[in-house]
Each structure stands twice: as structure tokens, then as C-alpha cells.
C-alpha atoms as a PDB file:
ATOM      1  CA  MET A   1       0.070   0.065  -0.335  1.00  0.00           C
ATOM      2  CA  GLU A   2       0.870   3.746  -0.812  1.00  0.00           C
ATOM      3  CA  THR A   3       1.971   5.930   1.718  1.00  0.00           C
ATOM      4  CA  PRO A   4       0.700   9.905   1.604  1.00  0.00           C
ATOM      5  CA  GLU A   5       4.269  10.738   1.221  1.00  0.00           C
ATOM      6  CA  GLU A   6       4.600   7.802  -1.468  1.00  0.00           C
ATOM      7  CA  LYS A   7       1.691   9.368  -3.210  1.00  0.00           C
ATOM      8  CA  ALA A   8       2.562  12.665  -2.997  1.00  0.00           C
ATOM      9  CA  LEU A   9       6.365  11.375  -4.280  1.00  0.00           C
ATOM     10  CA  ARG A  10       4.464  10.190  -7.533  1.00  0.00           C
ATOM     11  CA  LEU A  11       2.126  13.074  -8.252  1.00  0.00           C
ATOM     12  CA  LYS A  12       5.684  15.386  -8.250  1.00  0.00           C
ATOM     13  CA  ASP A  13       7.794  13.284 -10.691  1.00  0.00           C
ATOM     14  CA  SER A  14       4.119  13.368 -13.069  1.00  0.00           C
ATOM     15  CA  GLY A  15       4.103  16.939 -12.108  1.00  0.00           C
ATOM     16  CA  ASN A  16       7.642  17.373 -12.582  1.00  0.00           C
ATOM     17  CA  GLU A  17       7.034  14.971 -16.425  1.00  0.00           C
ATOM     18  CA  ALA A  18       4.049  17.416 -17.445  1.00  0.00           C
ATOM     19  CA  LEU A  19       5.795  20.770 -17.108  1.00  0.00           C
ATOM     20  CA  LYS A  20       9.272  19.702 -19.155  1.00  0.00           C
ATOM     21  CA  ILE A  21       6.631  18.778 -22.083  1.00  0.00           C
ATOM     22  CA  CYS A  22       4.522  22.854 -21.327  1.00  0.00           C
ATOM     23  CA  LYS A  23       1.775  21.376 -20.140  1.00  0.00           C
ATOM     24  CA  TYR A  24       1.304  23.963 -16.716  1.00  0.00           C
ATOM     25  CA  SER A  25      -1.656  23.508 -16.529  1.00  0.00           C
ATOM     26  CA  GLU A  26      -1.793  19.973 -15.530  1.00  0.00           C
ATOM     27  CA  ALA A  27       1.700  20.250 -13.870  1.00  0.00           C
ATOM     28  CA  ALA A  28       0.511  22.318 -11.027  1.00  0.00           C
ATOM     29  CA  ASP A  29      -2.566  20.536 -10.533  1.00  0.00           C
ATOM     30  CA  LEU A  30      -0.455  17.157 -10.165  1.00  0.00           C
ATOM     31  CA  TYR A  31       1.409  19.171  -7.462  1.00  0.00           C
ATOM     32  CA  THR A  32      -1.571  20.417  -5.525  1.00  0.00           C
ATOM     33  CA  GLN A  33      -2.415  17.338  -5.866  1.00  0.00           C
ATOM     34  CA  ALA A  34       0.489  16.205  -3.990  1.00  0.00           C
ATOM     35  CA  LEU A  35       0.019  18.765  -2.043  1.00  0.00           C
ATOM     36  CA  GLU A  36      -3.174  17.625  -0.689  1.00  0.00           C
ATOM     37  CA  LEU A  37      -0.883  14.778   0.624  1.00  0.00           C
ATOM     38  CA  HIS A  38       2.266  16.450   2.070  1.00  0.00           C
ATOM     39  CA  GLU A  39       3.358  19.694   2.196  1.00  0.00           C
ATOM     40  CA  THR A  40       6.984  20.100   1.301  1.00  0.00           C
ATOM     41  CA  SER A  41       8.846  23.065   0.146  1.00  0.00           C
ATOM     42  CA  VAL A  42       9.716  21.890  -3.222  1.00  0.00           C
ATOM     43  CA  LEU A  43       6.082  20.806  -3.923  1.00  0.00           C
ATOM     44  CA  PHE A  44       5.097  24.987  -3.726  1.00  0.00           C
ATOM     45  CA  SER A  45       8.266  25.736  -5.526  1.00  0.00           C
ATOM     46  CA  ASN A  46       7.495  23.708  -8.303  1.00  0.00           C
ATOM     47  CA  ARG A  47       3.724  24.811  -8.519  1.00  0.00           C
ATOM     48  CA  ALA A  48       5.182  28.233  -8.407  1.00  0.00           C
ATOM     49  CA  MET A  49       6.994  27.541 -11.953  1.00  0.00           C
ATOM     50  CA  ALA A  50       4.119  26.037 -13.217  1.00  0.00           C
ATOM     51  CA  TYR A  51       1.904  29.629 -11.923  1.00  0.00           C
ATOM     52  CA  ILE A  52       5.691  31.689 -13.384  1.00  0.00           C
ATOM     53  CA  LYS A  53       5.120  30.074 -16.842  1.00  0.00           C
ATOM     54  CA  MET A  54       1.302  30.105 -16.754  1.00  0.00           C
ATOM     55  CA  GLU A  55       1.768  34.181 -16.240  1.00  0.00           C
ATOM     56  CA  GLN A  56       0.036  33.306 -12.230  1.00  0.00           C
ATOM     57  CA  TYR A  57       2.669  35.700 -10.679  1.00  0.00           C
ATOM     58  CA  GLY A  58       0.829  36.069  -7.423  1.00  0.00           C
ATOM     59  CA  GLN A  59       0.087  32.690  -6.973  1.00  0.00           C
ATOM     60  CA  ALA A  60       3.619  31.983  -7.973  1.00  0.00           C
ATOM     61  CA  ILE A  61       4.487  34.547  -5.538  1.00  0.00           C
ATOM     62  CA  LEU A  62       2.267  33.188  -2.326  1.00  0.00           C
ATOM     63  CA  ASP A  63       3.328  29.340  -3.030  1.00  0.00           C
ATOM     64  CA  ALA A  64       7.017  30.740  -2.891  1.00  0.00           C
ATOM     65  CA  ASP A  65       5.920  32.644   0.305  1.00  0.00           C
ATOM     66  CA  CYS A  66       5.103  28.972   1.559  1.00  0.00           C
ATOM     67  CA  ALA A  67       7.835  26.881   0.360  1.00  0.00           C
ATOM     68  CA  ILE A  68      10.276  29.758   1.877  1.00  0.00           C
ATOM     69  CA  LYS A  69       8.428  29.168   5.032  1.00  0.00           C
ATOM     70  CA  ILE A  70       8.524  25.469   5.303  1.00  0.00           C
ATOM     71  CA  ASP A  71      12.301  25.668   4.738  1.00  0.00           C
ATOM     72  CA  PRO A  72      13.914  28.841   4.677  1.00  0.00           C
ATOM     73  CA  GLN A  73      17.255  27.302   3.164  1.00  0.00           C
ATOM     74  CA  TYR A  74      15.254  26.391   0.171  1.00  0.00           C
ATOM     75  CA  VAL A  75      17.059  28.222  -2.361  1.00  0.00           C
ATOM     76  CA  LYS A  76      14.537  28.132  -5.575  1.00  0.00           C
ATOM     77  CA  ALA A  77      11.781  29.639  -3.690  1.00  0.00           C
ATOM     78  CA  TYR A  78      13.571  32.650  -3.767  1.00  0.00           C
ATOM     79  CA  TYR A  79      14.881  32.039  -6.893  1.00  0.00           C
ATOM     80  CA  ARG A  80      11.301  31.888  -8.173  1.00  0.00           C
ATOM     81  CA  ARG A  81       9.340  34.498  -6.051  1.00  0.00           C
ATOM     82  CA  GLY A  82      12.203  36.755  -7.371  1.00  0.00           C
ATOM     83  CA  SER A  83      10.789  35.732 -10.755  1.00  0.00           C
ATOM     84  CA  ALA A  84       7.786  36.597 -10.075  1.00  0.00           C
ATOM     85  CA  ASN A  85       8.193  40.333  -8.119  1.00  0.00           C
ATOM     86  CA  PHE A  86      10.323  41.009 -11.249  1.00  0.00           C
ATOM     87  CA  ALA A  87       7.393  40.117 -14.030  1.00  0.00           C
ATOM     88  CA  LEU A  88       4.523  42.393 -11.666  1.00  0.00           C
ATOM     89  CA  GLY A  89       7.380  45.357 -11.643  1.00  0.00           C
ATOM     90  CA  LYS A  90       8.088  44.961  -7.993  1.00  0.00           C
ATOM     91  CA  ASN A  91      11.657  45.812  -8.397  1.00  0.00           C
ATOM     92  CA  LYS A  92      12.664  46.312  -4.792  1.00  0.00           C
ATOM     93  CA  ALA A  93      11.379  43.036  -3.599  1.00  0.00           C
ATOM     94  CA  ALA A  94      12.635  41.017  -6.691  1.00  0.00           C
ATOM     95  CA  LYS A  95      16.646  42.538  -5.611  1.00  0.00           C
ATOM     96  CA  LYS A  96      15.560  41.266  -2.378  1.00  0.00           C
ATOM     97  CA  ASP A  97      15.223  38.216  -3.714  1.00  0.00           C
ATOM     98  CA  PHE A  98      17.604  37.546  -5.603  1.00  0.00           C
ATOM     99  CA  LYS A  99      20.404  38.865  -3.194  1.00  0.00           C
ATOM    100  CA  LYS A 100      19.591  35.756  -1.114  1.00  0.00           C
ATOM    101  CA  VAL A 101      19.964  34.204  -4.077  1.00  0.00           C
ATOM    102  CA  CYS A 102      23.538  35.523  -4.149  1.00  0.00           C
ATOM    103  CA  GLN A 103      23.769  35.269  -0.513  1.00  0.00           C
ATOM    104  CA  MET A 104      23.689  31.484  -0.479  1.00  0.00           C
ATOM    105  CA  LYS A 105      24.981  30.486  -4.225  1.00  0.00           C
ATOM    106  CA  PRO A 106      27.165  33.098  -5.105  1.00  0.00           C
ATOM    107  CA  LYS A 107      28.759  31.628  -8.109  1.00  0.00           C
ATOM    108  CA  ASP A 108      24.821  31.455  -9.796  1.00  0.00           C
ATOM    109  CA  LYS A 109      25.539  33.816 -12.614  1.00  0.00           C
ATOM    110  CA  ASP A 110      22.263  33.800 -13.801  1.00  0.00           C
ATOM    111  CA  ALA A 111      20.818  34.999 -10.335  1.00  0.00           C
ATOM    112  CA  ARG A 112      23.760  37.706  -9.985  1.00  0.00           C
ATOM    113  CA  ALA A 113      22.609  38.620 -13.269  1.00  0.00           C
ATOM    114  CA  LYS A 114      18.772  39.036 -11.802  1.00  0.00           C
ATOM    115  CA  LEU A 115      20.371  40.819  -9.422  1.00  0.00           C
ATOM    116  CA  ALA A 116      21.723  43.379 -12.217  1.00  0.00           C
ATOM    117  CA  ALA A 117      18.356  43.733 -13.572  1.00  0.00           C
ATOM    118  CA  CYS A 118      16.129  44.625 -10.708  1.00  0.00           C
ATOM    119  CA  THR A 119      19.252  46.804  -9.256  1.00  0.00           C
ATOM    120  CA  LYS A 120      19.155  49.134 -12.901  1.00  0.00           C
ATOM    121  CA  ALA A 121      15.448  48.978 -12.699  1.00  0.00           C
ATOM    122  CA  VAL A 122      15.123  50.224  -9.177  1.00  0.00           C
ATOM    123  CA  ASN A 123      17.763  52.849 -10.176  1.00  0.00           C
ATOM    124  CA  GLU A 124      16.205  53.552 -13.209  1.00  0.00           C
ATOM    125  CA  ALA A 125      12.652  53.964 -11.260  1.00  0.00           C
ATOM    126  CA  ALA A 126      14.057  56.027  -8.953  1.00  0.00           C
ATOM    127  CA  PHE A 127      15.480  58.720 -12.208  1.00  0.00           C
ATOM    128  CA  ALA A 128      12.129  58.148 -12.975  1.00  0.00           C
ATOM    129  CA  ILE A 129      10.256  60.276 -10.389  1.00  0.00           C
ATOM    130  CA  PRO A 130      10.220  64.054 -11.610  1.00  0.00           C
ATOM    131  CA  THR A 131      10.703  65.633  -8.658  1.00  0.00           C
ATOM    132  CA  MET A 132       8.537  68.914  -7.377  1.00  0.00           C
ATOM    133  CA  SER A 133      10.354  71.632  -8.822  1.00  0.00           C
ATOM    134  CA  GLU A 134       9.999  69.750 -12.402  1.00  0.00           C
ATOM    135  CA  PHE A 135       6.121  70.196 -11.949  1.00  0.00           C
ATOM    136  CA  ASP A 136       6.998  73.661 -11.313  1.00  0.00           C
ATOM    137  CA  PHE A 137       8.534  74.256 -14.272  1.00  0.00           C
ATOM    138  CA  ALA A 138       5.499  72.509 -16.286  1.00  0.00           C
ATOM    139  CA  TYR A 139       3.193  75.236 -15.212  1.00  0.00           C
ATOM    140  CA  GLU A 140       5.286  78.263 -15.568  1.00  0.00           C
END
């Protein structure tokens, strides 16, 4: 007889296979079924990835949050939450997540590139905010 943990693992593996062939909704459903049996940071993070692929960034952030709550050292959850935040234009939050990834995995070139992109976006946004003197000039 299969234990709930074993069934959850089997569903996770099926979800991973669905993700590989771009069946993102099916993957999310399989991860959901697995989570109903056994909540793990990996399952929440994998479902977050499926949500990112479907551009359901809010759901991805919620799942990444759950993964981090279960295991604060699970680096993929920070990466996925950062990706979802960046896609939503939440550049400061994304920067914080990618900074954490870079602290945990200093040699991760992709994470460093994403951190640089977030930092650039945050800096550009800071310069895009008009000052009061610019408003005054516009009305003179």
C-alpha cells in the first residue's frame, strides 16, 4: 500500500514530467494533488514555477512564500519569488530575493545577472520620479 508521502512523490514526478513538456496547467494540478497529501517546500516551489510559466505571478509568489516558510534555506523558492516579483514590476522585492539567492549561491551567474537587472530597474525608477521643481517648471 502506498503511503501519502509516496503518492505525493509520484504525483510530483508526474508534475515534473508535465512541466518538461510545457503542460503547465496539468503540472500545477498534479502539484496541488501532491500538496494535499504532503506539504513540502519543493512541491510549493515547483507549483510556483508552473504558475510563472502560466504568467500567474501572484499565485507563484504565494507558493514561493509557503516554500520559504517551510524551508528558509530552499534557494529555488527565493529565485522563483524573485522572478515573479520582477515580472510584476515589483523590482525592490525582486532585488531582495535575488540578493538572497546570491548570498546563498555566490557562483550562480544567472542569479547575479537577475540581481543586476533588478538593481538597474530600481535605479531607473528612482530617476523617473519627477521632483516638485520639475512640476513647477511645467506650469510656468
